[in-house]
Amino acid sequence: KMKTRKILSVLAAVAILLAVCAIPCYAAIIVGLRISNRIGLDQSFSMENADSLKLISYLAAGDTLFFALGNCALLLLNMSHPGVMVAALFISFIGFAIAIASAALSHLVGKAAVIKEENDFTI
């Protein structure tokens, strides 16, 4: 009975960690849909899209950091296995790669928006 309680507490902790980590992912999906809507309106290179991509970058970096720290806490509380931690670090690497890619895209879209504005004012 004691082992069952420990298993349930570990499952609850992991479920809470995953539920909290899902919130920024849903926010990033909503921001991505707004970007898609602006692309559909032929506003691909706009400062709004650059700002939205920067927001996605912040969301991805924050979520990845929280996920990595949460898994470290679970490991230190003896509620996780070192093999799970290795897998979590791999997932964290992917999350940081997404954050860096969206930050780079944000910078490039911002530069393209400035060039587009300059070209719109020329004859």
C-alpha atoms as a PDB file:
ATOM      1  CA  LYS A   1       0.000   0.000   0.000  1.00  0.00           C
ATOM      2  CA  MET A   2       2.892   2.371   0.746  1.00  0.00           C
ATOM      3  CA  LYS A   3       4.439   1.655  -2.665  1.00  0.00           C
ATOM      4  CA  THR A   4       1.130   2.446  -4.370  1.00  0.00           C
ATOM      5  CA  ARG A   5       0.997   5.829  -2.604  1.00  0.00           C
ATOM      6  CA  LYS A   6       4.529   6.647  -3.734  1.00  0.00           C
ATOM      7  CA  ILE A   7       3.699   5.723  -7.315  1.00  0.00           C
ATOM      8  CA  LEU A   8       0.564   7.873  -7.224  1.00  0.00           C
ATOM      9  CA  SER A   9       2.471  10.832  -5.784  1.00  0.00           C
ATOM     10  CA  VAL A  10       5.132  10.525  -8.489  1.00  0.00           C
ATOM     11  CA  LEU A  11       2.465  10.321 -11.190  1.00  0.00           C
ATOM     12  CA  ALA A  12       0.697  13.355  -9.744  1.00  0.00           C
ATOM     13  CA  ALA A  13       3.935  15.361  -9.681  1.00  0.00           C
ATOM     14  CA  VAL A  14       4.765  14.428 -13.267  1.00  0.00           C
ATOM     15  CA  ALA A  15       1.197  15.193 -14.402  1.00  0.00           C
ATOM     16  CA  ILE A  16       1.329  18.622 -12.763  1.00  0.00           C
ATOM     17  CA  LEU A  17       4.712  19.355 -14.356  1.00  0.00           C
ATOM     18  CA  LEU A  18       3.451  18.372 -17.801  1.00  0.00           C
ATOM     19  CA  ALA A  19       0.198  20.314 -17.402  1.00  0.00           C
ATOM     20  CA  VAL A  20       2.048  23.487 -16.426  1.00  0.00           C
ATOM     21  CA  CYS A  21       4.516  22.996 -19.279  1.00  0.00           C
ATOM     22  CA  ALA A  22       1.639  22.681 -21.747  1.00  0.00           C
ATOM     23  CA  ILE A  23       0.330  26.202 -21.058  1.00  0.00           C
ATOM     24  CA  PRO A  24       3.095  28.077 -22.959  1.00  0.00           C
ATOM     25  CA  CYS A  25       2.795  25.547 -25.789  1.00  0.00           C
ATOM     26  CA  TYR A  26      -0.891  26.381 -26.246  1.00  0.00           C
ATOM     27  CA  ALA A  27      -0.075  30.093 -26.092  1.00  0.00           C
ATOM     28  CA  ALA A  28       2.571  29.603 -28.804  1.00  0.00           C
ATOM     29  CA  ILE A  29       0.022  27.761 -30.968  1.00  0.00           C
ATOM     30  CA  ILE A  30      -2.393  30.686 -30.653  1.00  0.00           C
ATOM     31  CA  VAL A  31       0.358  33.162 -31.571  1.00  0.00           C
ATOM     32  CA  GLY A  32       1.337  30.937 -34.509  1.00  0.00           C
ATOM     33  CA  LEU A  33      -2.247  30.942 -35.742  1.00  0.00           C
ATOM     34  CA  ARG A  34      -2.251  34.738 -35.640  1.00  0.00           C
ATOM     35  CA  ILE A  35       0.938  34.744 -37.708  1.00  0.00           C
ATOM     36  CA  SER A  36      -0.706  32.371 -40.197  1.00  0.00           C
ATOM     37  CA  ASN A  37      -3.723  34.655 -40.413  1.00  0.00           C
ATOM     38  CA  ARG A  38      -1.518  37.673 -41.192  1.00  0.00           C
ATOM     39  CA  ILE A  39       0.368  35.658 -43.819  1.00  0.00           C
ATOM     40  CA  GLY A  40      -2.990  34.784 -45.377  1.00  0.00           C
ATOM     41  CA  LEU A  41      -3.768  38.526 -45.507  1.00  0.00           C
ATOM     42  CA  ASP A  42      -0.487  39.059 -47.428  1.00  0.00           C
ATOM     43  CA  GLN A  43       1.230  40.684 -44.443  1.00  0.00           C
ATOM     44  CA  SER A  44       4.076  38.176 -44.258  1.00  0.00           C
ATOM     45  CA  PHE A  45       6.810  40.672 -43.508  1.00  0.00           C
ATOM     46  CA  SER A  46       5.413  42.905 -40.804  1.00  0.00           C
ATOM     47  CA  MET A  47       6.643  44.045 -37.428  1.00  0.00           C
ATOM     48  CA  GLU A  48       3.632  42.295 -35.855  1.00  0.00           C
ATOM     49  CA  ASN A  49       4.912  38.970 -37.178  1.00  0.00           C
ATOM     50  CA  ALA A  50       8.424  39.768 -35.942  1.00  0.00           C
ATOM     51  CA  ASP A  51       7.065  40.569 -32.481  1.00  0.00           C
ATOM     52  CA  SER A  52       4.938  37.416 -32.505  1.00  0.00           C
ATOM     53  CA  LEU A  53       7.940  35.277 -33.409  1.00  0.00           C
ATOM     54  CA  LYS A  54       9.906  36.909 -30.603  1.00  0.00           C
ATOM     55  CA  LEU A  55       7.052  36.059 -28.210  1.00  0.00           C
ATOM     56  CA  ILE A  56       7.146  32.437 -29.399  1.00  0.00           C
ATOM     57  CA  SER A  57      10.892  32.453 -28.743  1.00  0.00           C
ATOM     58  CA  TYR A  58      10.374  33.685 -25.182  1.00  0.00           C
ATOM     59  CA  LEU A  59       7.604  31.156 -24.589  1.00  0.00           C
ATOM     60  CA  ALA A  60       9.748  28.285 -25.880  1.00  0.00           C
ATOM     61  CA  ALA A  61      12.780  29.324 -23.833  1.00  0.00           C
ATOM     62  CA  GLY A  62      10.770  29.801 -20.655  1.00  0.00           C
ATOM     63  CA  ASP A  63       8.894  26.550 -21.076  1.00  0.00           C
ATOM     64  CA  THR A  64      12.089  24.637 -21.786  1.00  0.00           C
ATOM     65  CA  LEU A  65      13.835  26.119 -18.781  1.00  0.00           C
ATOM     66  CA  PHE A  66      10.878  25.325 -16.518  1.00  0.00           C
ATOM     67  CA  PHE A  67      10.695  21.776 -17.906  1.00  0.00           C
ATOM     68  CA  ALA A  68      14.410  21.172 -17.318  1.00  0.00           C
ATOM     69  CA  LEU A  69      14.322  22.620 -13.801  1.00  0.00           C
ATOM     70  CA  GLY A  70      11.167  20.662 -12.983  1.00  0.00           C
ATOM     71  CA  ASN A  71      12.795  17.427 -14.081  1.00  0.00           C
ATOM     72  CA  CYS A  72      15.903  18.259 -12.033  1.00  0.00           C
ATOM     73  CA  ALA A  73      13.688  18.855  -9.003  1.00  0.00           C
ATOM     74  CA  LEU A  74      11.925  15.530  -9.532  1.00  0.00           C
ATOM     75  CA  LEU A  75      15.286  13.790  -9.799  1.00  0.00           C
ATOM     76  CA  LEU A  76      16.585  15.443  -6.625  1.00  0.00           C
ATOM     77  CA  LEU A  77      13.388  14.469  -4.781  1.00  0.00           C
ATOM     78  CA  ASN A  78      13.980  10.871  -5.895  1.00  0.00           C
ATOM     79  CA  MET A  79      10.777  10.941  -7.929  1.00  0.00           C
ATOM     80  CA  SER A  80      12.439  10.358 -11.271  1.00  0.00           C
ATOM     81  CA  HIS A  81      14.952   8.052 -12.880  1.00  0.00           C
ATOM     82  CA  PRO A  82      18.287   9.261 -14.335  1.00  0.00           C
ATOM     83  CA  GLY A  83      17.295   7.790 -17.691  1.00  0.00           C
ATOM     84  CA  VAL A  84      14.207   9.981 -17.707  1.00  0.00           C
ATOM     85  CA  MET A  85      16.447  12.960 -16.959  1.00  0.00           C
ATOM     86  CA  VAL A  86      18.596  12.170 -19.999  1.00  0.00           C
ATOM     87  CA  ALA A  87      15.483  12.061 -22.177  1.00  0.00           C
ATOM     88  CA  ALA A  88      14.291  15.324 -20.609  1.00  0.00           C
ATOM     89  CA  LEU A  89      17.608  16.979 -21.433  1.00  0.00           C
ATOM     90  CA  PHE A  90      17.220  15.877 -25.059  1.00  0.00           C
ATOM     91  CA  ILE A  91      13.709  17.365 -25.130  1.00  0.00           C
ATOM     92  CA  SER A  92      15.090  20.534 -23.528  1.00  0.00           C
ATOM     93  CA  PHE A  93      17.722  20.775 -26.256  1.00  0.00           C
ATOM     94  CA  ILE A  94      14.962  20.627 -28.873  1.00  0.00           C
ATOM     95  CA  GLY A  95      13.031  23.328 -27.014  1.00  0.00           C
ATOM     96  CA  PHE A  96      16.041  25.643 -26.942  1.00  0.00           C
ATOM     97  CA  ALA A  97      16.606  24.978 -30.647  1.00  0.00           C
ATOM     98  CA  ILE A  98      13.018  26.074 -31.315  1.00  0.00           C
ATOM     99  CA  ALA A  99      13.578  29.193 -29.205  1.00  0.00           C
ATOM    100  CA  ILE A 100      16.760  30.094 -31.091  1.00  0.00           C
ATOM    101  CA  ALA A 101      15.163  29.427 -34.490  1.00  0.00           C
ATOM    102  CA  SER A 102      12.143  31.581 -33.738  1.00  0.00           C
ATOM    103  CA  ALA A 103      14.379  34.377 -32.397  1.00  0.00           C
ATOM    104  CA  ALA A 104      16.425  34.260 -35.607  1.00  0.00           C
ATOM    105  CA  LEU A 105      13.255  34.277 -37.722  1.00  0.00           C
ATOM    106  CA  SER A 106      11.968  37.212 -35.683  1.00  0.00           C
ATOM    107  CA  HIS A 107      15.120  39.166 -36.448  1.00  0.00           C
ATOM    108  CA  LEU A 108      14.964  38.325 -40.165  1.00  0.00           C
ATOM    109  CA  VAL A 109      11.250  39.120 -40.480  1.00  0.00           C
ATOM    110  CA  GLY A 110      11.847  42.436 -38.709  1.00  0.00           C
ATOM    111  CA  LYS A 111      14.630  43.319 -41.148  1.00  0.00           C
ATOM    112  CA  ALA A 112      12.445  42.293 -44.094  1.00  0.00           C
ATOM    113  CA  ALA A 113       9.576  44.418 -42.736  1.00  0.00           C
ATOM    114  CA  VAL A 114      11.848  47.474 -42.611  1.00  0.00           C
ATOM    115  CA  ILE A 115      13.018  46.861 -46.182  1.00  0.00           C
ATOM    116  CA  LYS A 116       9.412  46.365 -47.315  1.00  0.00           C
ATOM    117  CA  GLU A 117       8.371  49.649 -45.702  1.00  0.00           C
ATOM    118  CA  GLU A 118      11.237  51.467 -47.414  1.00  0.00           C
ATOM    119  CA  ASN A 119      10.292  49.950 -50.769  1.00  0.00           C
ATOM    120  CA  ASP A 120       6.623  50.860 -50.294  1.00  0.00           C
ATOM    121  CA  PHE A 121       7.583  54.546 -50.044  1.00  0.00           C
ATOM    122  CA  THR A 122       9.684  54.553 -53.221  1.00  0.00           C
ATOM    123  CA  ILE A 123       8.213  55.043 -56.650  1.00  0.00           C
END
